[in-house]
N, C-alpha and C. Protein backbone atom coordinates (compact mmCIF):
# COMPACT_ATOMS: atom_id res chain seq x y z
N MET A 1 106.67 167.36 49.72
CA MET A 1 106.19 168.60 50.29
C MET A 1 106.39 169.75 49.30
N ILE A 2 105.47 170.67 49.33
CA ILE A 2 105.49 171.84 48.47
C ILE A 2 105.83 173.06 49.32
N ARG A 3 106.76 173.86 48.85
CA ARG A 3 107.08 175.10 49.53
C ARG A 3 106.15 176.19 49.00
N SER A 4 105.70 177.02 49.89
CA SER A 4 104.77 178.10 49.55
C SER A 4 105.30 179.40 50.14
N ILE A 5 105.57 180.37 49.28
CA ILE A 5 106.13 181.65 49.70
C ILE A 5 105.19 182.78 49.27
N LEU A 6 104.84 183.62 50.22
CA LEU A 6 104.07 184.83 49.95
C LEU A 6 104.98 186.03 50.18
N TYR A 7 105.05 186.91 49.18
CA TYR A 7 105.83 188.13 49.37
C TYR A 7 105.02 189.34 48.93
N GLN A 8 105.45 190.49 49.39
CA GLN A 8 104.91 191.75 48.91
C GLN A 8 106.06 192.61 48.43
N SER A 9 105.76 193.50 47.50
CA SER A 9 106.77 194.43 47.03
C SER A 9 106.06 195.70 46.58
N THR A 10 106.84 196.75 46.43
CA THR A 10 106.29 198.03 46.01
C THR A 10 106.41 198.15 44.50
N ALA A 11 105.27 198.36 43.84
CA ALA A 11 105.23 198.47 42.38
C ALA A 11 105.92 199.76 41.93
N GLN A 12 106.65 199.66 40.85
CA GLN A 12 107.33 200.82 40.25
C GLN A 12 106.72 201.17 38.90
N THR A 13 105.54 200.64 38.64
CA THR A 13 104.87 200.86 37.37
C THR A 13 103.51 201.51 37.62
N GLU A 14 102.92 202.01 36.54
CA GLU A 14 101.61 202.65 36.63
C GLU A 14 100.55 201.64 37.05
N PHE A 15 99.41 202.14 37.44
CA PHE A 15 98.28 201.30 37.83
C PHE A 15 97.06 201.71 37.04
N PRO A 16 96.44 200.82 36.33
CA PRO A 16 96.95 199.50 35.92
C PRO A 16 98.07 199.67 34.91
N SER A 17 98.79 198.58 34.69
CA SER A 17 99.96 198.65 33.84
C SER A 17 100.01 197.48 32.86
N ASN A 18 100.41 197.78 31.63
CA ASN A 18 100.64 196.72 30.65
C ASN A 18 101.83 195.86 31.05
N VAL A 19 102.68 196.39 31.91
CA VAL A 19 103.84 195.65 32.39
C VAL A 19 103.39 194.40 33.15
N ASP A 20 102.25 194.49 33.85
CA ASP A 20 101.73 193.32 34.56
C ASP A 20 101.49 192.17 33.59
N HIS A 21 101.01 192.50 32.39
CA HIS A 21 100.79 191.46 31.38
C HIS A 21 102.12 190.79 31.01
N ASP A 22 103.18 191.57 30.92
CA ASP A 22 104.50 191.00 30.60
C ASP A 22 104.96 190.04 31.71
N ILE A 23 104.72 190.43 32.95
CA ILE A 23 105.07 189.58 34.09
C ILE A 23 104.31 188.25 33.99
N LEU A 24 103.03 188.34 33.70
CA LEU A 24 102.20 187.13 33.61
C LEU A 24 102.62 186.24 32.44
N GLU A 25 102.91 186.84 31.30
CA GLU A 25 103.36 186.06 30.14
C GLU A 25 104.61 185.25 30.48
N ALA A 26 105.57 185.90 31.13
CA ALA A 26 106.80 185.20 31.51
C ALA A 26 106.50 184.09 32.51
N ALA A 27 105.63 184.37 33.47
CA ALA A 27 105.28 183.35 34.47
C ALA A 27 104.59 182.16 33.80
N TRP A 28 103.65 182.43 32.92
CA TRP A 28 102.92 181.34 32.26
C TRP A 28 103.88 180.47 31.46
N ARG A 29 104.85 181.09 30.80
CA ARG A 29 105.82 180.34 29.99
C ARG A 29 106.72 179.46 30.85
N HIS A 30 107.23 180.02 31.93
CA HIS A 30 108.25 179.32 32.71
C HIS A 30 107.72 178.48 33.86
N ASN A 31 106.66 178.92 34.49
CA ASN A 31 106.19 178.22 35.70
C ASN A 31 105.73 176.80 35.42
N THR A 32 105.06 176.59 34.31
CA THR A 32 104.59 175.25 33.98
C THR A 32 105.78 174.29 33.85
N GLU A 33 106.83 174.73 33.16
CA GLU A 33 108.04 173.90 32.99
C GLU A 33 108.69 173.59 34.33
N MET A 34 108.67 174.57 35.23
CA MET A 34 109.38 174.43 36.51
C MET A 34 108.51 173.85 37.62
N GLY A 35 107.24 173.57 37.33
CA GLY A 35 106.35 173.02 38.35
C GLY A 35 105.93 174.04 39.40
N VAL A 36 105.88 175.31 39.01
CA VAL A 36 105.51 176.39 39.92
C VAL A 36 104.06 176.79 39.65
N THR A 37 103.32 176.98 40.73
CA THR A 37 101.97 177.52 40.63
C THR A 37 101.91 178.74 41.55
N GLY A 38 100.84 179.53 41.39
CA GLY A 38 100.73 180.68 42.27
C GLY A 38 99.70 181.68 41.82
N TYR A 39 99.75 182.83 42.49
CA TYR A 39 98.77 183.88 42.23
C TYR A 39 99.42 185.23 42.52
N LEU A 40 99.09 186.21 41.69
CA LEU A 40 99.62 187.56 41.81
C LEU A 40 98.47 188.53 41.97
N LEU A 41 98.51 189.33 43.03
CA LEU A 41 97.55 190.41 43.24
C LEU A 41 98.28 191.72 43.06
N ARG A 42 97.62 192.66 42.41
CA ARG A 42 98.19 193.98 42.21
C ARG A 42 97.24 195.02 42.78
N THR A 43 97.72 195.83 43.71
CA THR A 43 96.98 196.99 44.19
C THR A 43 97.61 198.22 43.53
N ARG A 44 97.11 199.36 43.85
CA ARG A 44 97.66 200.59 43.27
C ARG A 44 99.17 200.69 43.48
N SER A 45 99.65 200.30 44.64
CA SER A 45 101.07 200.50 44.94
C SER A 45 101.86 199.23 45.26
N LYS A 46 101.19 198.09 45.39
CA LYS A 46 101.86 196.87 45.83
C LYS A 46 101.57 195.68 44.92
N TYR A 47 102.53 194.77 44.92
CA TYR A 47 102.32 193.43 44.40
C TYR A 47 102.31 192.49 45.60
N PHE A 48 101.42 191.51 45.56
CA PHE A 48 101.41 190.41 46.51
C PHE A 48 101.42 189.15 45.66
N GLN A 49 102.39 188.28 45.89
CA GLN A 49 102.48 187.07 45.08
C GLN A 49 102.73 185.87 45.96
N LEU A 50 101.96 184.81 45.67
CA LEU A 50 102.17 183.52 46.30
C LEU A 50 102.77 182.61 45.25
N LEU A 51 103.88 181.97 45.60
CA LEU A 51 104.56 181.02 44.72
C LEU A 51 104.60 179.67 45.41
N GLU A 52 104.33 178.61 44.65
CA GLU A 52 104.32 177.24 45.18
C GLU A 52 105.18 176.36 44.29
N GLY A 53 106.03 175.56 44.89
CA GLY A 53 106.85 174.66 44.11
C GLY A 53 107.95 174.03 44.94
N ALA A 54 108.90 173.41 44.25
CA ALA A 54 110.04 172.78 44.91
C ALA A 54 110.94 173.84 45.51
N ASP A 55 111.55 173.52 46.62
CA ASP A 55 112.38 174.46 47.37
C ASP A 55 113.46 175.09 46.49
N ASP A 56 114.25 174.28 45.80
CA ASP A 56 115.35 174.82 45.00
C ASP A 56 114.86 175.69 43.85
N VAL A 57 113.74 175.32 43.26
CA VAL A 57 113.18 176.10 42.16
C VAL A 57 112.72 177.47 42.66
N LEU A 58 112.06 177.49 43.81
CA LEU A 58 111.59 178.76 44.36
C LEU A 58 112.76 179.65 44.78
N GLU A 59 113.82 179.06 45.31
CA GLU A 59 115.01 179.86 45.66
C GLU A 59 115.54 180.58 44.43
N ASP A 60 115.69 179.84 43.33
CA ASP A 60 116.17 180.44 42.07
C ASP A 60 115.21 181.50 41.56
N LEU A 61 113.92 181.19 41.61
CA LEU A 61 112.91 182.12 41.12
C LEU A 61 112.88 183.41 41.95
N LEU A 62 112.98 183.28 43.26
CA LEU A 62 113.00 184.47 44.12
C LEU A 62 114.22 185.34 43.84
N ALA A 63 115.35 184.74 43.54
CA ALA A 63 116.55 185.51 43.21
C ALA A 63 116.32 186.32 41.94
N ILE A 64 115.66 185.72 40.96
CA ILE A 64 115.36 186.42 39.71
C ILE A 64 114.35 187.53 39.95
N ILE A 65 113.27 187.21 40.66
CA ILE A 65 112.23 188.20 40.95
C ILE A 65 112.80 189.36 41.75
N GLY A 66 113.68 189.08 42.69
CA GLY A 66 114.27 190.12 43.53
C GLY A 66 115.08 191.14 42.76
N LYS A 67 115.58 190.77 41.58
CA LYS A 67 116.38 191.68 40.75
C LYS A 67 115.54 192.47 39.75
N ASP A 68 114.26 192.17 39.68
CA ASP A 68 113.37 192.81 38.71
C ASP A 68 113.11 194.26 39.11
N ASN A 69 113.40 195.19 38.20
CA ASN A 69 113.26 196.61 38.53
C ASN A 69 111.82 197.14 38.42
N ARG A 70 110.88 196.28 38.12
CA ARG A 70 109.47 196.71 38.06
C ARG A 70 108.87 196.81 39.46
N HIS A 71 109.64 196.39 40.46
CA HIS A 71 109.21 196.51 41.84
C HIS A 71 110.43 196.63 42.75
N THR A 72 110.20 197.12 43.97
CA THR A 72 111.26 197.29 44.95
C THR A 72 110.76 196.81 46.31
N GLU A 73 111.64 196.81 47.27
CA GLU A 73 111.28 196.53 48.66
C GLU A 73 110.56 195.19 48.84
N MET A 74 111.08 194.17 48.19
CA MET A 74 110.49 192.84 48.29
C MET A 74 110.64 192.32 49.73
N GLN A 75 109.53 191.87 50.28
CA GLN A 75 109.53 191.38 51.67
C GLN A 75 108.77 190.06 51.73
N ILE A 76 109.42 189.02 52.25
CA ILE A 76 108.77 187.72 52.43
C ILE A 76 107.81 187.83 53.61
N LEU A 77 106.54 187.51 53.37
CA LEU A 77 105.52 187.57 54.42
C LEU A 77 105.30 186.21 55.07
N SER A 78 105.42 185.14 54.28
CA SER A 78 105.32 183.79 54.84
C SER A 78 106.11 182.84 53.95
N ASP A 79 106.63 181.81 54.58
CA ASP A 79 107.44 180.80 53.90
C ASP A 79 107.15 179.49 54.62
N ASN A 80 106.33 178.64 53.99
CA ASN A 80 105.86 177.41 54.63
C ASN A 80 105.96 176.24 53.69
N THR A 81 105.80 175.05 54.23
CA THR A 81 105.66 173.85 53.42
C THR A 81 104.28 173.26 53.66
N SER A 82 103.80 172.55 52.65
CA SER A 82 102.47 171.95 52.72
C SER A 82 102.47 170.68 51.88
N SER A 83 101.51 169.84 52.16
CA SER A 83 101.38 168.62 51.35
C SER A 83 100.58 168.86 50.08
N GLN A 84 99.94 170.03 50.01
CA GLN A 84 99.16 170.34 48.79
C GLN A 84 99.27 171.82 48.45
N ARG A 85 98.99 172.10 47.19
CA ARG A 85 99.05 173.47 46.68
C ARG A 85 97.71 174.17 46.87
N CYS A 86 97.76 175.47 46.97
CA CYS A 86 96.54 176.29 47.01
C CYS A 86 96.03 176.56 45.60
N PHE A 87 96.95 176.61 44.62
CA PHE A 87 96.59 177.01 43.26
C PHE A 87 97.03 175.96 42.24
N THR A 88 96.54 174.75 42.43
CA THR A 88 96.92 173.61 41.60
C THR A 88 96.77 173.89 40.11
N ASP A 89 95.69 174.55 39.71
CA ASP A 89 95.40 174.77 38.30
C ASP A 89 95.92 176.08 37.74
N TRP A 90 96.74 176.78 38.49
CA TRP A 90 97.17 178.11 38.08
C TRP A 90 98.68 178.17 37.92
N ALA A 91 99.17 178.25 36.67
CA ALA A 91 100.60 178.51 36.45
C ALA A 91 100.93 179.88 37.05
N MET A 92 100.01 180.82 36.91
CA MET A 92 100.06 182.09 37.62
C MET A 92 98.74 182.80 37.39
N GLY A 93 97.96 182.89 38.44
CA GLY A 93 96.72 183.65 38.38
C GLY A 93 97.02 185.11 38.65
N TYR A 94 96.05 185.98 38.35
CA TYR A 94 96.27 187.41 38.50
C TYR A 94 94.95 188.10 38.81
N HIS A 95 95.03 189.07 39.70
CA HIS A 95 93.86 189.90 39.98
C HIS A 95 94.32 191.32 40.26
N LEU A 96 93.70 192.26 39.57
CA LEU A 96 93.93 193.68 39.79
C LEU A 96 92.89 194.14 40.81
N VAL A 97 93.34 194.56 41.96
CA VAL A 97 92.44 194.93 43.06
C VAL A 97 91.94 196.35 42.84
N THR A 98 90.62 196.50 42.69
CA THR A 98 90.03 197.82 42.52
C THR A 98 89.98 198.54 43.86
N GLU A 99 89.72 199.84 43.79
CA GLU A 99 89.61 200.63 45.02
C GLU A 99 88.49 200.08 45.92
N ASN A 100 87.34 199.74 45.33
CA ASN A 100 86.23 199.21 46.12
C ASN A 100 86.60 197.89 46.78
N GLU A 101 87.24 197.00 46.02
CA GLU A 101 87.66 195.71 46.59
C GLU A 101 88.66 195.92 47.71
N ARG A 102 89.56 196.85 47.51
CA ARG A 102 90.56 197.13 48.53
C ARG A 102 89.88 197.55 49.84
N ASP A 103 88.88 198.38 49.72
CA ASP A 103 88.17 198.86 50.91
C ASP A 103 87.36 197.77 51.59
N GLU A 104 86.94 196.75 50.84
CA GLU A 104 86.13 195.66 51.39
C GLU A 104 86.97 194.56 52.05
N PHE A 105 88.25 194.50 51.75
CA PHE A 105 89.11 193.44 52.28
C PHE A 105 89.58 193.82 53.68
N ASP A 106 89.04 193.15 54.68
CA ASP A 106 89.38 193.48 56.07
C ASP A 106 90.74 192.94 56.50
N GLY A 107 91.37 192.15 55.65
CA GLY A 107 92.69 191.61 55.96
C GLY A 107 93.75 192.68 56.11
N TRP A 108 93.54 193.85 55.53
CA TRP A 108 94.52 194.93 55.65
C TRP A 108 94.73 195.32 57.11
N LEU A 109 93.75 195.06 57.95
CA LEU A 109 93.83 195.44 59.37
C LEU A 109 94.64 194.46 60.20
N LYS A 110 95.01 193.34 59.59
CA LYS A 110 95.74 192.30 60.31
C LYS A 110 97.23 192.44 60.03
N ASP A 111 98.03 191.75 60.83
CA ASP A 111 99.47 191.76 60.57
C ASP A 111 100.05 190.37 60.80
N GLY A 112 101.29 190.22 60.42
CA GLY A 112 101.99 188.95 60.62
C GLY A 112 101.31 187.79 59.92
N ASP A 113 101.26 186.65 60.61
CA ASP A 113 100.67 185.44 60.05
C ASP A 113 99.19 185.63 59.71
N GLU A 114 98.48 186.39 60.53
CA GLU A 114 97.06 186.63 60.26
C GLU A 114 96.86 187.34 58.93
N PHE A 115 97.72 188.32 58.64
CA PHE A 115 97.63 189.00 57.35
C PHE A 115 97.92 188.03 56.21
N SER A 116 98.98 187.23 56.35
CA SER A 116 99.34 186.28 55.30
C SER A 116 98.21 185.29 55.03
N ILE A 117 97.61 184.77 56.08
CA ILE A 117 96.50 183.82 55.93
C ILE A 117 95.32 184.51 55.24
N SER A 118 95.03 185.74 55.62
CA SER A 118 93.93 186.49 55.01
C SER A 118 94.21 186.77 53.54
N MET A 119 95.45 187.14 53.22
CA MET A 119 95.81 187.45 51.84
C MET A 119 95.70 186.21 50.95
N ILE A 120 96.18 185.08 51.44
CA ILE A 120 96.10 183.84 50.65
C ILE A 120 94.64 183.44 50.46
N ALA A 121 93.83 183.58 51.49
CA ALA A 121 92.39 183.28 51.37
C ALA A 121 91.73 184.21 50.35
N TYR A 122 92.14 185.47 50.35
CA TYR A 122 91.60 186.43 49.38
C TYR A 122 92.00 186.04 47.95
N MET A 123 93.25 185.64 47.78
CA MET A 123 93.72 185.18 46.47
C MET A 123 92.91 183.97 46.01
N GLN A 124 92.66 183.03 46.92
CA GLN A 124 91.87 181.85 46.57
C GLN A 124 90.45 182.24 46.18
N LEU A 125 89.87 183.19 46.87
CA LEU A 125 88.53 183.66 46.53
C LEU A 125 88.53 184.28 45.14
N MET A 126 89.50 185.12 44.83
CA MET A 126 89.58 185.75 43.51
C MET A 126 89.79 184.70 42.43
N ALA A 127 90.61 183.70 42.71
CA ALA A 127 90.86 182.62 41.74
C ALA A 127 89.59 181.82 41.50
N THR A 128 88.86 181.52 42.54
CA THR A 128 87.62 180.76 42.41
C THR A 128 86.59 181.54 41.59
N GLU A 129 86.47 182.83 41.87
CA GLU A 129 85.52 183.66 41.12
C GLU A 129 85.92 183.76 39.66
N ARG A 130 87.21 183.93 39.39
CA ARG A 130 87.67 184.02 38.00
C ARG A 130 87.47 182.70 37.28
N GLN A 131 87.74 181.60 37.95
CA GLN A 131 87.59 180.29 37.34
C GLN A 131 86.12 180.02 37.02
N ALA A 132 85.22 180.47 37.87
CA ALA A 132 83.79 180.29 37.63
C ALA A 132 83.35 181.09 36.40
N ARG A 133 83.95 182.27 36.20
CA ARG A 133 83.60 183.11 35.04
C ARG A 133 84.20 182.60 33.75
N SER A 134 85.41 182.07 33.82
CA SER A 134 86.12 181.67 32.61
C SER A 134 87.04 180.48 32.92
N PRO A 135 86.51 179.28 33.00
CA PRO A 135 87.27 178.12 33.45
C PRO A 135 88.54 177.84 32.66
N MET A 136 88.57 178.07 31.38
CA MET A 136 89.74 177.70 30.58
C MET A 136 90.92 178.65 30.79
N GLN A 137 90.67 179.88 31.22
CA GLN A 137 91.78 180.82 31.43
C GLN A 137 92.65 180.42 32.60
N SER A 138 92.09 179.73 33.58
CA SER A 138 92.83 179.46 34.79
C SER A 138 93.71 178.24 34.72
N LYS A 139 93.43 177.34 33.82
CA LYS A 139 94.13 176.05 33.83
C LYS A 139 95.61 176.19 33.50
N ALA A 140 96.42 175.59 34.34
CA ALA A 140 97.86 175.50 34.06
C ALA A 140 98.04 174.49 32.94
N LYS A 141 98.87 174.81 32.00
CA LYS A 141 99.06 173.92 30.85
C LYS A 141 100.24 173.01 31.07
């Protein structure tokens, strides 16, 4: 079974930020070794990240992420297990949400599990669109 955790946090960096690239570089380097996949969405003020992997690995990773000063107010939105991953080919995908995209995403109106399901579906849509545009960028190595 694969553990899947979705969290949100408040960004402490500019939008857009070169710091996001640093986050992704670290994720790409370490996630492949640790068997972690996932996706990171950045809005003007928030990060939303889905992490998938072994329970113990995600516990350690969340402890590290929780201490990162590039964001605050980390809140777990969902924590589930599944027999399959949502982002099999992504060591860590990324999407910067534009103002127009933010306005088009009706998931903001939902809460609880409905919001989490909507957010993960939105991440999958962004990953699929990015993979269609540039297939080699998405592959986990």
